[in-house]
Each structure stands twice: as C-alpha cells, then as structure tokens.
C-alpha cells in the first residue's frame, strides 16, 4: 500500500510519524520489514489508517462522496472534514488499543460465510449459537457475510456452510466490544468535530449521514454492530458514483466493489 510514499515528505510520512510517537514504536521500520507485529491490532490498525488516509490526502482531490470499511470509516470522516488527520491517528491508536484489550477478555475470531440471503445467515447463526456466541459482523456483498464470535461457535458452522477463517485477533463488531465502545466514545467526545463538507455513508446504517445524525454515535456504534458494506456501495452507486478510488488493501476492496457493482465497475487502486 505505502509504495514509495514512506520515502518522501508528505502526509503518509507525517501520519506514520505521529502514530509512531503515540505507539512508542518505530512504525515505519515495522512496515518496511513487514514485521509480524503488524498482525497485532494495536499496530496494524494505526498503520493502515496512516497509509490509506495519507495516500488520499496526497491527491488533494475532493471526492463526490466518501466511505470507509470498518476502521477505514475514520479516514472517510476525516476526508469529509469532520476531524483533523492528526485527531484521526490519535483516535485509531486508542480504538485499536481498546479493541485489543477487549479481545483479551473475550477471545474470539471471525469467518466469512457464503449465503444466498439473510435467512440462510440466520440459520448459520442459529447453528453456531448451539456451541457458543456468534453474531453478524458484516454484510460485504450480496452473498458474502462475516460472522464473529467464539471459535467453537464458528467452527460448528463450517459443517454446513462454506466459510473462510479470517486472520483477525478478536471477535470484532460484536457485543464483546461493548466496553471498548463506551471508552472510545470518551476519546471521540474530547475532539473538535465539524459537519461533513461532502456526503459520507455510515457503516452502521449503509446510508448517507443526514443533518442531525450523530457522527460520534455512528462511529462508536459500528464497534458492536455489523458493517453494512453492501448497502454502503449500493447507496453510493444510486447517488451516481461511477468511479471508485480505493485507498487501502486494494485486492480485497476491489473484489468487494465488483461483487456489489459488477465486473465493469471503474476501480482505481491507491491512485
């Protein structure tokens, strides 16, 4: 993702340096070495936002609308002018720390599930619930859903549904993150917030933020609620968006764009 952005002065380098100070780690060195520490939530999330947000800021472009998947929603709010890039980095450092802390108390994992409709997903959740706790974490594409919860519960689902284990370190977007969400709200409330200057689609609702909506509540809510990514992309498409600029893990997000919008969708990766 970073390409040569780490080697030149600019937003990526500036945000990496800020994240490094907050983490008390040499994040640039960790990224350059593809150090295994990147698999830790406390390190990987700040690196992801510093790079993706920095690359987007480098373009100096004003998008017609913006959205971000899960933690990427912080970058989307920042691009819309709701908070500063510096505050976004500080927020993601705190978010990832709190999530990791919650995962130590409530260990778990996530799995992508192929299902034709919500009824099949409910059947999968019911099956997993016989062995433990399982919840819907995301709806990423028409037939791609993500479940989150206990390892035993998700293992039970694989007997009847096609699943792919995700390389995560906790049961994200579940009730296990409730304490993290409460503490993160306090962090967000200390910041200076502005109304979005451009339209933003929220993860928690899959629709544009409207006047009177609480951006902090929407950001906090997605820690314990499903990411409505399929609805998010359909909302943007219905608004007339035809070119999709992805700043982030390109292969995954490009695949989700095409699964939702068709293989002819014009998708640009980290332009």
Foldseek 3Di string as FASTA:
>chain_A
DQPCVCVDDFQLVVQQVLLCVVVVHNLVVCVVVVPPCCQQLLNVLLNQLSQLLGLVVVVVDQDQEFEQFQLGRLSRQCSLPFADSSLSSVLSNLLSVLQNVLCVVFPWFKKKWFDQDVVVVVVLQVQLVVQFHKDWAADLFNGITMMFHHPSSNVRSVVPTDIDTDSHGGRWQACSSVVSLVVSLVSVVVGHTDPGNHWYQAQQPLETDDPPDDPSCSSSNSRNHHGYNLSVLVRVVVVPDQEAEGRGDPVVVVVSNCSNPNPPGHYHYSD
